């Protein structure tokens, strides 16, 4: 048995709306059906990751994360001063 549906209004700029409309057309579904399919699936993935306490990153996010880890940290002046203070300098 299906539960009653409720409305969700989303505001998009023209470029974003056009992208969503074109993607929906590619799948031969309405814009509402496309948004529902994509948003609900993504929300379920994020909820599943949260339950498993897993951080899920896209390929671009993974690359940015690894690049950040690979670069040496650049300390601010305040961090240098705190380090000196903690070392008793």
N, C-alpha and C. Protein backbone atom coordinates (compact mmCIF):
# COMPACT_ATOMS: atom_id res chain seq x y z
N UNK A 1 0.84 -1.18 0.00
CA UNK A 1 0.00 0.00 0.00
C UNK A 1 0.89 1.25 0.00
N UNK A 2 0.62 2.16 -0.90
CA UNK A 2 1.41 3.39 -0.99
C UNK A 2 0.93 4.39 0.04
N UNK A 3 1.90 5.08 0.65
CA UNK A 3 1.55 6.14 1.58
C UNK A 3 1.25 7.39 0.78
N UNK A 4 0.47 8.30 1.36
CA UNK A 4 0.17 9.54 0.63
C UNK A 4 1.45 10.33 0.38
N UNK A 5 1.52 10.98 -0.78
CA UNK A 5 2.71 11.74 -1.09
C UNK A 5 2.57 13.17 -0.56
N UNK A 6 3.71 13.80 -0.35
CA UNK A 6 3.74 15.19 0.08
C UNK A 6 4.58 15.97 -0.90
N UNK A 7 4.44 17.26 -0.87
CA UNK A 7 5.17 18.12 -1.80
C UNK A 7 6.47 18.61 -1.20
N UNK A 8 7.43 18.86 -2.07
CA UNK A 8 8.70 19.46 -1.70
C UNK A 8 9.03 20.46 -2.79
N UNK A 9 9.18 21.71 -2.41
CA UNK A 9 9.52 22.74 -3.40
C UNK A 9 11.01 23.01 -3.34
N UNK A 10 11.62 23.08 -4.50
CA UNK A 10 13.05 23.35 -4.60
C UNK A 10 13.24 24.49 -5.58
N UNK A 11 14.04 25.46 -5.18
CA UNK A 11 14.34 26.57 -6.08
C UNK A 11 15.71 26.33 -6.71
N UNK A 12 15.77 26.49 -8.03
CA UNK A 12 17.01 26.31 -8.77
C UNK A 12 17.25 27.52 -9.64
N UNK A 13 18.51 27.83 -9.87
CA UNK A 13 18.81 28.86 -10.86
C UNK A 13 18.53 28.26 -12.24
N UNK A 14 18.49 29.11 -13.25
CA UNK A 14 18.11 28.66 -14.60
C UNK A 14 19.04 27.59 -15.15
N UNK A 15 20.33 27.73 -14.92
CA UNK A 15 21.29 26.76 -15.45
C UNK A 15 21.09 25.40 -14.79
N UNK A 16 20.90 25.39 -13.47
CA UNK A 16 20.69 24.13 -12.75
C UNK A 16 19.39 23.47 -13.20
N UNK A 17 18.33 24.26 -13.34
CA UNK A 17 17.05 23.71 -13.77
C UNK A 17 17.17 23.11 -15.17
N UNK A 18 17.89 23.78 -16.04
CA UNK A 18 18.08 23.26 -17.40
C UNK A 18 18.84 21.94 -17.36
N UNK A 19 19.86 21.85 -16.52
CA UNK A 19 20.62 20.59 -16.40
C UNK A 19 19.72 19.46 -15.92
N UNK A 20 18.91 19.74 -14.91
CA UNK A 20 18.00 18.71 -14.38
C UNK A 20 16.99 18.30 -15.45
N UNK A 21 16.45 19.28 -16.15
CA UNK A 21 15.46 18.97 -17.20
C UNK A 21 16.08 18.13 -18.31
N UNK A 22 17.30 18.47 -18.72
CA UNK A 22 17.96 17.69 -19.78
C UNK A 22 18.27 16.27 -19.31
N UNK A 23 18.70 16.12 -18.05
CA UNK A 23 18.98 14.79 -17.52
C UNK A 23 17.70 13.96 -17.44
N UNK A 24 16.61 14.59 -17.04
CA UNK A 24 15.32 13.89 -16.99
C UNK A 24 14.90 13.43 -18.38
N UNK A 25 15.11 14.30 -19.36
CA UNK A 25 14.75 13.96 -20.74
C UNK A 25 15.56 12.75 -21.22
N UNK A 26 16.85 12.70 -20.85
CA UNK A 26 17.68 11.56 -21.23
C UNK A 26 17.13 10.24 -20.70
N UNK A 27 16.53 10.30 -19.52
CA UNK A 27 15.96 9.08 -18.90
C UNK A 27 14.49 8.87 -19.28
N UNK A 28 13.95 9.79 -20.05
CA UNK A 28 12.55 9.70 -20.49
C UNK A 28 11.60 9.69 -19.30
N UNK A 29 11.87 10.57 -18.33
CA UNK A 29 11.00 10.71 -17.17
C UNK A 29 10.74 12.20 -16.96
N UNK A 30 9.73 12.48 -16.15
CA UNK A 30 9.43 13.88 -15.83
C UNK A 30 10.53 14.44 -14.92
N UNK A 31 10.59 15.75 -14.84
CA UNK A 31 11.57 16.38 -13.95
C UNK A 31 11.32 15.94 -12.51
N UNK A 32 10.07 15.91 -12.10
CA UNK A 32 9.75 15.48 -10.73
C UNK A 32 10.20 14.05 -10.47
N UNK A 33 9.93 13.15 -11.42
CA UNK A 33 10.35 11.76 -11.25
C UNK A 33 11.87 11.66 -11.20
N UNK A 34 12.56 12.43 -12.05
CA UNK A 34 14.02 12.39 -12.06
C UNK A 34 14.58 12.88 -10.72
N UNK A 35 14.10 14.02 -10.25
CA UNK A 35 14.57 14.56 -8.97
C UNK A 35 14.29 13.56 -7.85
N UNK A 36 13.11 12.97 -7.86
CA UNK A 36 12.75 12.00 -6.83
C UNK A 36 13.69 10.80 -6.87
N UNK A 37 13.97 10.27 -8.06
CA UNK A 37 14.85 9.10 -8.18
C UNK A 37 16.26 9.42 -7.68
N UNK A 38 16.78 10.54 -8.11
CA UNK A 38 18.17 10.89 -7.80
C UNK A 38 18.32 11.30 -6.34
N UNK A 39 17.45 12.16 -5.87
CA UNK A 39 17.57 12.68 -4.50
C UNK A 39 17.33 11.59 -3.47
N UNK A 40 16.31 10.79 -3.66
CA UNK A 40 16.02 9.73 -2.68
C UNK A 40 17.15 8.71 -2.66
N UNK A 41 17.66 8.32 -3.82
CA UNK A 41 18.78 7.36 -3.86
C UNK A 41 20.00 7.93 -3.15
N UNK A 42 20.32 9.19 -3.40
CA UNK A 42 21.49 9.81 -2.76
C UNK A 42 21.27 9.93 -1.25
N UNK A 43 20.08 10.30 -0.84
CA UNK A 43 19.79 10.41 0.60
C UNK A 43 19.94 9.05 1.27
N UNK A 44 19.48 7.99 0.62
CA UNK A 44 19.61 6.65 1.19
C UNK A 44 21.07 6.23 1.31
N UNK A 45 21.89 6.57 0.31
CA UNK A 45 23.33 6.27 0.39
C UNK A 45 23.98 7.01 1.56
N UNK A 46 23.63 8.28 1.72
CA UNK A 46 24.22 9.07 2.80
C UNK A 46 23.77 8.57 4.17
N UNK A 47 22.51 8.18 4.30
CA UNK A 47 22.02 7.64 5.57
C UNK A 47 22.70 6.31 5.88
N UNK A 48 22.89 5.49 4.87
CA UNK A 48 23.56 4.21 5.06
C UNK A 48 25.01 4.43 5.51
N UNK A 49 25.70 5.37 4.87
CA UNK A 49 27.08 5.67 5.25
C UNK A 49 27.15 6.20 6.68
N UNK A 50 26.18 7.02 7.05
CA UNK A 50 26.16 7.56 8.41
C UNK A 50 25.94 6.45 9.43
N UNK A 51 25.05 5.52 9.11
CA UNK A 51 24.81 4.39 10.03
C UNK A 51 26.06 3.54 10.19
N UNK A 52 26.81 3.39 9.11
CA UNK A 52 28.01 2.57 9.13
C UNK A 52 29.23 3.37 9.60
N UNK A 53 29.03 4.65 9.83
CA UNK A 53 30.11 5.57 10.24
C UNK A 53 31.26 5.54 9.23
N UNK A 54 30.86 5.63 7.97
CA UNK A 54 31.80 5.62 6.86
C UNK A 54 31.72 6.98 6.16
N UNK A 55 32.87 7.51 5.81
CA UNK A 55 32.89 8.74 5.04
C UNK A 55 32.97 8.35 3.57
N UNK A 56 31.96 8.68 2.82
CA UNK A 56 31.93 8.35 1.40
C UNK A 56 32.32 9.59 0.60
N UNK A 57 33.32 9.45 -0.25
CA UNK A 57 33.79 10.56 -1.07
C UNK A 57 33.67 10.20 -2.54
N UNK A 58 33.36 11.21 -3.34
CA UNK A 58 33.37 11.01 -4.79
C UNK A 58 34.83 10.88 -5.24
N UNK A 59 35.04 10.52 -6.48
CA UNK A 59 36.40 10.39 -7.00
C UNK A 59 37.14 11.72 -6.89
N UNK A 60 36.48 12.83 -7.22
CA UNK A 60 37.12 14.15 -7.13
C UNK A 60 37.44 14.50 -5.68
N UNK A 61 36.53 14.17 -4.77
CA UNK A 61 36.76 14.44 -3.35
C UNK A 61 37.90 13.58 -2.82
N UNK A 62 38.00 12.34 -3.27
CA UNK A 62 39.10 11.47 -2.86
C UNK A 62 40.44 12.03 -3.31
N UNK A 63 40.49 12.50 -4.54
CA UNK A 63 41.72 13.07 -5.06
C UNK A 63 42.12 14.31 -4.27
N UNK A 64 41.17 15.18 -4.01
CA UNK A 64 41.46 16.40 -3.23
C UNK A 64 41.93 16.04 -1.83
N UNK A 65 41.32 15.02 -1.22
CA UNK A 65 41.70 14.58 0.12
C UNK A 65 43.14 14.07 0.12
N UNK A 66 43.48 13.21 -0.83
CA UNK A 66 44.83 12.65 -0.89
C UNK A 66 45.86 13.73 -1.20
N UNK A 67 45.52 14.67 -2.06
CA UNK A 67 46.44 15.76 -2.35
C UNK A 67 46.68 16.61 -1.10
N UNK A 68 45.64 16.85 -0.33
CA UNK A 68 45.78 17.62 0.91
C UNK A 68 46.67 16.87 1.90
N UNK A 69 46.53 15.56 1.98
CA UNK A 69 47.37 14.77 2.88
C UNK A 69 48.82 14.75 2.44
N UNK A 70 49.04 14.83 1.13
CA UNK A 70 50.38 14.73 0.57
C UNK A 70 51.17 16.03 0.76
N UNK A 71 50.48 17.15 0.91
CA UNK A 71 51.15 18.44 1.06
C UNK A 71 51.52 18.67 2.53
N UNK A 72 52.72 19.21 2.76
CA UNK A 72 53.07 19.51 4.16
C UNK A 72 52.17 20.62 4.70
N UNK A 73 51.92 20.54 5.99
CA UNK A 73 51.07 21.55 6.63
C UNK A 73 51.79 22.89 6.66
N UNK A 74 51.05 23.95 6.44
CA UNK A 74 51.60 25.30 6.53
C UNK A 74 51.03 25.94 7.79
N UNK A 75 51.88 26.14 8.76
CA UNK A 75 51.43 26.68 10.03
C UNK A 75 51.30 28.20 9.96
N UNK A 76 50.32 28.71 10.68
CA UNK A 76 50.14 30.16 10.76
C UNK A 76 51.12 30.71 11.79
N UNK A 77 51.26 32.02 11.82
CA UNK A 77 52.13 32.65 12.82
C UNK A 77 51.67 32.30 14.23
N UNK A 78 50.36 32.28 14.45
CA UNK A 78 49.83 31.94 15.77
C UNK A 78 50.19 30.51 16.15
N UNK A 79 50.18 29.60 15.20
CA UNK A 79 50.54 28.21 15.48
C UNK A 79 52.04 28.09 15.79
N UNK A 80 52.87 28.85 15.06
CA UNK A 80 54.30 28.86 15.35
C UNK A 80 54.55 29.39 16.77
N UNK A 81 53.85 30.48 17.11
CA UNK A 81 54.01 31.08 18.45
C UNK A 81 53.57 30.11 19.53
N UNK A 82 52.46 29.41 19.31
CA UNK A 82 51.98 28.44 20.28
C UNK A 82 52.98 27.30 20.44
N UNK A 83 53.56 26.83 19.34
CA UNK A 83 54.56 25.77 19.40
C UNK A 83 55.77 26.21 20.22
N UNK A 84 56.22 27.42 19.98
CA UNK A 84 57.37 27.96 20.73
C UNK A 84 57.03 28.07 22.20
N UNK A 85 55.84 28.53 22.51
CA UNK A 85 55.40 28.65 23.89
C UNK A 85 55.36 27.29 24.57
N UNK A 86 54.85 26.28 23.87
CA UNK A 86 54.75 24.94 24.45
C UNK A 86 56.13 24.31 24.64
N UNK A 87 57.10 24.68 23.78
CA UNK A 87 58.46 24.18 23.93
C UNK A 87 59.26 24.97 24.96
N UNK A 88 58.66 26.05 25.49
CA UNK A 88 59.33 26.88 26.48
C UNK A 88 60.35 27.83 25.89
N UNK A 89 60.18 28.17 24.67
CA UNK A 89 61.14 29.08 23.99
C UNK A 89 60.76 30.52 24.22
